[in-house]
Structure formats: structure tokens, C-alpha cells
Protein backbone atom coordinates (compact mmCIF):
# COMPACT_ATOMS: atom_id res chain seq x y z
CA MET A 1 113.40 102.66 100.55
CA LYS A 2 114.12 105.93 102.29
CA THR A 3 111.73 107.08 104.97
CA GLY A 4 110.73 110.31 103.23
CA TYR A 5 109.76 108.55 100.03
CA ARG A 6 107.87 105.88 101.94
CA ILE A 7 105.83 108.48 103.83
CA THR A 8 105.14 110.48 100.67
CA ILE A 9 104.00 107.43 98.72
CA GLY A 10 101.88 106.28 101.66
CA VAL A 11 100.15 109.65 102.00
CA VAL A 12 99.48 109.79 98.24
CA PHE A 13 97.86 106.35 98.35
CA ILE A 14 95.78 107.33 101.38
CA ILE A 15 94.54 110.45 99.56
CA LEU A 16 93.72 108.39 96.46
CA GLY A 17 91.90 105.93 98.71
CA ILE A 18 89.79 108.68 100.25
CA PHE A 19 88.89 109.96 96.78
CA GLY A 20 88.21 106.38 95.71
CA LEU A 21 85.61 105.96 98.41
CA PHE A 22 83.50 108.60 96.66
CA LEU A 23 84.46 108.14 92.99
CA PRO A 24 83.24 104.96 91.30
CA PHE A 25 86.26 104.51 88.99
CA LEU A 26 88.90 104.41 91.76
CA GLN A 27 89.30 101.43 94.07
CA GLY A 28 89.26 103.28 97.39
CA ILE A 29 89.75 100.37 99.77
CA LEU A 30 92.68 99.02 97.75
CA PHE A 31 94.47 102.38 97.79
CA LEU A 32 93.85 102.77 101.52
CA LEU A 33 95.36 99.35 102.20
CA ILE A 34 98.41 100.09 100.04
CA GLY A 35 98.87 103.41 101.83
CA THR A 36 98.75 101.76 105.24
CA VAL A 37 101.36 99.21 104.16
CA PHE A 38 103.71 102.06 103.22
CA LEU A 39 103.02 104.03 106.40
CA ALA A 40 103.08 101.09 108.83
CA PRO A 41 106.80 101.21 109.72
CA ASN A 42 106.60 104.93 110.57
CA ALA A 43 103.25 105.33 112.31
CA PRO A 44 102.53 103.34 115.50
CA PRO A 45 98.70 103.33 115.04
CA VAL A 46 99.06 101.95 111.52
CA ARG A 47 101.61 99.39 112.73
CA ASN A 48 99.17 98.28 115.44
CA LEU A 49 96.41 97.93 112.85
CA ARG A 50 98.70 95.82 110.67
CA MET A 51 99.55 93.56 113.62
CA ARG A 52 95.83 93.07 114.39
CA LEU A 53 95.23 92.15 110.75
CA TYR A 54 98.11 89.66 110.90
CA LYS A 55 96.55 88.04 113.95
CA ARG A 56 93.17 87.82 112.30
CA PHE A 57 94.49 86.72 108.88
CA PRO A 58 97.77 84.85 109.48
CA GLY A 59 98.27 84.06 105.79
CA THR A 60 98.80 87.72 104.97
CA ARG A 61 101.98 87.88 107.06
CA HIS A 62 103.50 85.01 105.08
CA TYR A 63 102.42 86.60 101.79
CA PHE A 64 103.96 89.99 102.58
CA LYS A 65 107.21 88.44 103.83
CA ASN A 66 107.57 86.55 100.54
CA LEU A 67 106.73 89.70 98.62
CA ARG A 68 109.48 91.66 100.43
CA LYS A 69 112.03 88.92 99.71
CA ARG A 70 111.35 89.17 95.97
CA HIS A 71 112.02 92.91 95.90
């Protein structure tokens, strides 16, 4: 996926996540997590957060690697 599209999709999910924190029909946390996954390769703070999550929850690294292989 091209970098511009990845950043755009990530920002859209982050915005939806912020709205979802205040609106009961949107899943805010889910959209925030999806947005950080899209932004992680381009933003060092988000990448560092992802690495800390991988250390705390090692199973997620394996899950996301398998998910990338399928697509």
C-alpha cells in the first residue's frame, strides 16, 4: 500500500476513533487501534507504542504477521 493512502486511512480511523469515544454507536477504541496500525510504519511514536504492545502481548505479533501474509 502506498504511503499516502496508508496515512490518509490511518488519520480517518483516528478521527473516527475520537468521535467514537463520545458517540455510543461507534466503537472508538477499535477505530483508534486500527488507525495506529495504519500509521505505525510512518510515525515513530506510534511504532514505539506498537512495539511496547508486542512486548506486553506477544501473541498479537504472531497474529498480525499471519494477517499480513494472507493479504
